[in-house]
Amino acid sequence: MEKVTIIINEGPSSMRSWNGLRVAAGFVGVDMDVEVFLFDAAVYTAIKGQNPPEGLKELNLAKKLTELMELGIKVNACGTCVEAGGLKKEILVDGVTVCTLTDLCKTIKTSEKVLVF
């Protein structure tokens, strides 16, 4: 099975992040192995308890990440970015793995495609 790595850099209020996660789900639909990496402000997309305003409920990216993991997508958050943002593993959605840059490099090495949002 072909593998794709999707790197998300923007936070939970960004349509770019939302679209990147939608694309991740789409790749599952065409039988690809998908791994998502959250960098920079994107680590905030994994915080539990998001409550976007009415009309923008789709931007609850913590919920979207949970749905992706239920589809078998591995979701990783940059450990340095988590620490720099003052976050703790305990406030991240269950199933998100805090990882290193080396973990990302290993995944990219084994991927046929890499997309950055």
Protein backbone atom coordinates (compact mmCIF):
# COMPACT_ATOMS: atom_id res chain seq x y z
CA MET A 1 0.00 0.00 0.00
CA GLU A 2 1.31 3.44 -0.90
CA LYS A 3 1.99 5.83 1.95
CA VAL A 4 1.39 9.57 2.20
CA THR A 5 2.61 11.92 4.93
CA ILE A 6 0.59 15.06 5.56
CA ILE A 7 2.23 17.90 7.50
CA ILE A 8 -0.07 20.53 9.01
CA ASN A 9 1.41 23.83 10.23
CA GLU A 10 -1.56 26.09 10.99
CA GLY A 11 -3.86 26.24 14.01
CA PRO A 12 -7.44 25.12 14.59
CA SER A 13 -9.08 28.24 13.19
CA SER A 14 -7.43 27.81 9.79
CA MET A 15 -9.33 26.45 6.81
CA ARG A 16 -5.96 25.25 5.53
CA SER A 17 -5.62 22.87 8.50
CA TRP A 18 -9.20 21.68 8.07
CA ASN A 19 -8.63 21.04 4.37
CA GLY A 20 -5.42 19.13 5.09
CA LEU A 21 -7.31 16.82 7.43
CA ARG A 22 -10.09 16.38 4.88
CA VAL A 23 -7.47 15.37 2.32
CA ALA A 24 -6.07 12.85 4.82
CA ALA A 25 -9.49 11.19 5.04
CA GLY A 26 -9.74 11.23 1.26
CA PHE A 27 -6.50 9.30 0.92
CA VAL A 28 -7.90 6.55 3.14
CA GLY A 29 -10.80 6.36 0.68
CA VAL A 30 -8.37 5.54 -2.13
CA ASP A 31 -6.55 2.86 -0.11
CA MET A 32 -3.46 4.75 0.99
CA ASP A 33 -1.64 4.50 4.29
CA VAL A 34 -1.78 8.00 5.85
CA GLU A 35 0.26 9.61 8.61
CA VAL A 36 -0.41 13.17 9.84
CA PHE A 37 2.18 15.37 11.57
CA LEU A 38 1.16 18.50 13.47
CA PHE A 39 3.79 21.23 13.64
CA ASP A 40 3.94 24.83 14.84
CA ALA A 41 0.43 26.16 15.64
CA ALA A 42 -1.12 22.94 14.32
CA VAL A 43 -0.38 21.23 17.64
CA TYR A 44 -3.30 23.31 19.01
CA THR A 45 -5.65 21.43 16.66
CA ALA A 46 -5.19 18.41 18.95
CA ILE A 47 -6.39 20.10 22.16
CA LYS A 48 -9.46 18.47 23.70
CA GLY A 49 -12.60 20.49 24.31
CA GLN A 50 -12.62 22.79 21.28
CA ASN A 51 -15.89 24.67 20.85
CA PRO A 52 -16.03 26.56 17.54
CA PRO A 53 -18.90 29.02 17.09
CA GLU A 54 -22.21 27.96 15.58
CA GLY A 55 -21.89 27.71 11.83
CA LEU A 56 -18.25 26.66 12.10
CA LYS A 57 -18.64 23.41 14.05
CA GLU A 58 -16.70 21.61 11.28
CA LEU A 59 -13.62 23.47 12.53
CA ASN A 60 -13.54 21.35 15.69
CA LEU A 61 -10.28 19.81 14.54
CA ALA A 62 -9.82 17.76 17.71
CA LYS A 63 -13.01 15.93 16.73
CA LYS A 64 -11.75 15.59 13.14
CA LEU A 65 -8.44 14.13 14.38
CA THR A 66 -10.35 11.57 16.46
CA GLU A 67 -12.39 10.61 13.39
CA LEU A 68 -9.20 10.23 11.35
CA MET A 69 -7.61 7.98 13.98
CA GLU A 70 -10.78 5.85 13.93
CA LEU A 71 -10.12 5.40 10.18
CA GLY A 72 -6.64 4.10 11.01
CA ILE A 73 -4.66 7.29 10.39
CA LYS A 74 -1.72 7.82 12.74
CA VAL A 75 -1.63 11.37 14.13
CA ASN A 76 1.61 12.80 15.53
CA ALA A 77 2.38 16.11 17.23
CA CYS A 78 5.86 17.65 17.22
CA GLY A 79 7.21 17.33 20.76
CA THR A 80 9.26 20.50 20.51
CA CYS A 81 6.21 22.44 19.26
CA VAL A 82 4.03 20.99 22.04
CA GLU A 83 6.59 22.02 24.66
CA ALA A 84 7.19 25.46 23.11
CA GLY A 85 3.43 26.08 23.08
CA GLY A 86 3.18 25.30 26.79
CA LEU A 87 1.02 22.25 26.14
CA LYS A 88 0.99 18.95 27.99
CA LYS A 89 0.29 15.52 26.51
CA GLU A 90 -2.69 15.17 28.88
CA ILE A 91 -4.66 17.94 27.13
CA LEU A 92 -4.20 16.42 23.68
CA VAL A 93 -6.77 14.17 22.08
CA ASP A 94 -6.34 10.54 23.10
CA GLY A 95 -4.32 8.65 20.50
CA VAL A 96 -2.16 11.56 19.33
CA THR A 97 1.51 10.62 19.59
CA VAL A 98 4.02 13.26 20.67
CA CYS A 99 7.03 12.63 18.43
CA THR A 100 10.41 13.91 17.34
CA LEU A 101 11.81 15.35 14.14
CA THR A 102 13.59 12.04 13.60
CA ASP A 103 10.21 10.28 13.64
CA LEU A 104 8.98 12.62 10.92
CA CYS A 105 12.11 12.05 8.82
CA LYS A 106 11.71 8.28 9.06
CA THR A 107 8.09 8.55 7.93
CA ILE A 108 8.96 10.85 5.02
CA LYS A 109 11.67 8.40 3.95
CA THR A 110 9.09 5.62 3.63
CA SER A 111 6.38 7.77 1.97
CA GLU A 112 5.71 8.00 -1.73
CA LYS A 113 4.03 11.39 -1.27
CA VAL A 114 4.39 14.26 1.21
CA LEU A 115 1.89 17.14 1.37
CA VAL A 116 2.27 20.28 3.47
CA PHE A 117 -0.67 22.42 4.61
